[in-house]
Amino acid sequence: MHWESVNLSLYFDQMIGYTLMLVFGLLIRNYERSVELPTFTQKSDVQRFAILQYIQDNFTDITLEDIAERFHYTPEYTSKLIKTITGRTFTQLLQQIRIEKAQVLLQDTNLSVANIANQIGYETTEHFIRTFKKILEMTPTEYRRHGYHI
């Protein structure tokens, strides 16, 4: 997969996708007795999973109103639903997702802190740095320098 991502040969993205599917298939086959796949017993479980997936997929510029509109709820109900599902407010959840994405980018890329802040949805680098430090008790630069991993 690394070779494909570095060389960008014809159909590289399909090759990476198929390889990942094969790896996950083998993992499930080998750990079928101990793996816990999500089970949806009610329609509401599917909707809750879809909301969380939608937030994960659109974390850079999503708003509570976007989610409410997408799932045909009021913003107030959507906010309560997110709190029920995750135990966090929408803002806290969004911060958590963004900071986790930032941690990966800090470790796996040489992007500047400003570029990372922009990529994960912060309007200013300063706001990103303050939020990162508040949550992890260190700046993004300190995090990168020490080589921490999630």
Protein backbone atom coordinates (compact mmCIF):
# COMPACT_ATOMS: atom_id res chain seq x y z
CA MET A 1 0.00 0.00 0.00
CA HIS A 2 2.85 2.33 0.81
CA TRP A 3 4.43 1.61 -2.59
CA GLU A 4 1.15 2.43 -4.32
CA SER A 5 0.69 5.68 -2.39
CA VAL A 6 4.25 6.82 -3.11
CA ASN A 7 4.39 5.92 -6.81
CA LEU A 8 0.81 6.87 -7.68
CA SER A 9 0.71 4.33 -10.50
CA LEU A 10 -2.39 3.84 -12.58
CA TYR A 11 -5.33 2.72 -10.38
CA PHE A 12 -3.30 3.24 -7.19
CA ASP A 13 -6.34 4.32 -5.20
CA GLN A 14 -8.30 1.20 -6.14
CA MET A 15 -5.32 -1.00 -5.27
CA ILE A 16 -5.03 0.58 -1.84
CA GLY A 17 -8.78 0.21 -1.25
CA TYR A 18 -8.83 -3.44 -2.28
CA THR A 19 -5.79 -4.21 -0.16
CA LEU A 20 -7.43 -2.63 2.87
CA MET A 21 -10.59 -4.65 2.26
CA LEU A 22 -8.50 -7.83 2.06
CA VAL A 23 -6.65 -7.00 5.29
CA PHE A 24 -9.89 -6.28 7.15
CA GLY A 25 -11.44 -9.45 5.74
CA LEU A 26 -8.51 -11.50 7.01
CA LEU A 27 -8.69 -9.80 10.40
CA ILE A 28 -12.38 -10.58 10.72
CA ARG A 29 -11.81 -14.18 9.61
CA ASN A 30 -9.01 -14.68 12.15
CA TYR A 31 -10.75 -12.90 15.01
CA GLU A 32 -14.38 -13.76 14.28
CA ARG A 33 -14.92 -15.23 17.74
CA SER A 34 -13.69 -12.14 19.58
CA VAL A 35 -14.50 -9.24 17.25
CA GLU A 36 -17.52 -7.14 18.07
CA LEU A 37 -19.15 -5.69 14.99
CA PRO A 38 -21.78 -3.01 15.53
CA THR A 39 -25.27 -4.41 15.64
CA PHE A 40 -28.22 -2.26 14.90
CA THR A 41 -31.38 -3.53 16.54
CA GLN A 42 -33.44 -0.44 15.94
CA LYS A 43 -33.78 2.18 13.25
CA SER A 44 -32.64 4.79 15.78
CA ASP A 45 -29.28 2.96 16.15
CA VAL A 46 -28.67 3.31 12.42
CA GLN A 47 -29.57 7.00 12.54
CA ARG A 48 -27.26 7.61 15.48
CA PHE A 49 -24.39 5.87 13.74
CA ALA A 50 -25.13 7.89 10.58
CA ILE A 51 -25.00 11.15 12.53
CA LEU A 52 -21.62 10.31 14.04
CA GLN A 53 -20.30 9.18 10.65
CA TYR A 54 -21.56 12.40 9.06
CA ILE A 55 -19.72 14.46 11.69
CA GLN A 56 -16.52 12.43 11.14
CA ASP A 57 -16.75 12.90 7.37
CA ASN A 58 -17.44 16.65 7.52
CA PHE A 59 -15.63 17.81 10.66
CA THR A 60 -13.77 20.67 8.97
CA ASP A 61 -16.73 22.91 8.32
CA ILE A 62 -19.81 21.30 9.85
CA THR A 63 -22.31 23.10 12.04
CA LEU A 64 -25.03 21.84 14.31
CA GLU A 65 -27.54 23.36 11.90
CA ASP A 66 -26.02 21.38 9.00
CA ILE A 67 -26.52 18.13 10.89
CA ALA A 68 -30.05 19.02 11.93
CA GLU A 69 -30.99 19.88 8.36
CA ARG A 70 -29.36 16.74 6.96
CA PHE A 71 -31.24 14.45 9.36
CA HIS A 72 -34.47 16.48 9.49
CA TYR A 73 -34.25 17.36 13.17
CA THR A 74 -34.27 20.67 14.97
CA PRO A 75 -30.87 21.96 16.10
CA GLU A 76 -32.02 21.64 19.73
CA TYR A 77 -33.00 17.98 19.30
CA THR A 78 -29.78 17.27 17.38
CA SER A 79 -27.74 18.81 20.19
CA LYS A 80 -29.48 16.66 22.81
CA LEU A 81 -29.10 13.56 20.65
CA ILE A 82 -25.35 14.11 20.22
CA LYS A 83 -24.98 14.61 23.98
CA THR A 84 -26.94 11.39 24.62
CA ILE A 85 -24.90 9.37 22.12
CA THR A 86 -21.44 10.63 23.03
CA GLY A 87 -21.71 12.21 26.47
CA ARG A 88 -20.24 15.36 24.93
CA THR A 89 -21.67 18.54 23.52
CA PHE A 90 -21.42 19.08 19.78
CA THR A 91 -18.60 21.58 20.31
CA GLN A 92 -16.68 19.20 22.57
CA LEU A 93 -17.11 16.34 20.09
CA LEU A 94 -15.98 18.50 17.19
CA GLN A 95 -12.92 19.67 19.14
CA GLN A 96 -12.05 16.07 20.01
CA ILE A 97 -12.28 14.94 16.39
CA ARG A 98 -10.26 17.91 15.12
CA ILE A 99 -7.52 17.49 17.73
CA GLU A 100 -7.26 13.76 17.00
CA LYS A 101 -6.91 14.53 13.28
CA ALA A 102 -4.29 17.17 14.12
CA GLN A 103 -2.32 14.64 16.17
CA VAL A 104 -2.16 12.30 13.19
CA LEU A 105 -1.09 15.10 10.84
CA LEU A 106 1.55 16.33 13.29
CA GLN A 107 3.08 12.86 13.48
CA ASP A 108 2.65 11.68 9.90
CA THR A 109 3.33 14.81 7.86
CA ASN A 110 5.67 17.77 7.73
CA LEU A 111 2.82 20.23 7.28
CA SER A 112 3.18 23.46 9.19
CA VAL A 113 1.00 24.04 12.22
CA ALA A 114 -0.82 26.75 10.27
CA ASN A 115 -1.59 24.36 7.41
CA ILE A 116 -2.82 21.71 9.83
CA ALA A 117 -5.03 24.25 11.60
CA ASN A 118 -6.52 25.21 8.26
CA GLN A 119 -6.99 21.58 7.14
CA ILE A 120 -8.88 20.57 10.25
CA GLY A 121 -11.23 23.53 10.19
CA TYR A 122 -9.80 26.22 12.45
CA GLU A 123 -10.10 29.74 11.10
CA THR A 124 -6.98 30.95 12.88
CA THR A 125 -3.77 29.21 13.86
CA GLU A 126 -3.86 30.90 17.25
CA HIS A 127 -7.27 29.43 18.08
CA PHE A 128 -6.05 25.98 17.06
CA ILE A 129 -2.92 26.27 19.21
CA ARG A 130 -4.94 27.47 22.24
CA THR A 131 -7.45 24.63 21.86
CA PHE A 132 -4.72 22.02 21.34
CA LYS A 133 -2.84 23.23 24.42
CA LYS A 134 -6.02 23.34 26.51
CA ILE A 135 -6.84 19.72 25.67
CA LEU A 136 -3.36 18.13 25.58
CA GLU A 137 -1.49 20.55 27.86
CA MET A 138 1.19 21.19 25.24
CA THR A 139 1.45 23.07 21.99
CA PRO A 140 1.29 21.31 18.62
CA THR A 141 5.00 21.97 18.13
CA GLU A 142 5.84 20.37 21.48
CA TYR A 143 3.64 17.41 20.59
CA ARG A 144 5.42 16.93 17.26
CA ARG A 145 8.86 17.36 18.82
CA HIS A 146 8.23 14.72 21.47
CA GLY A 147 6.81 12.24 18.98
CA TYR A 148 3.66 11.40 20.93
CA HIS A 149 1.16 9.01 19.38
CA ILE A 150 -2.56 8.67 19.90
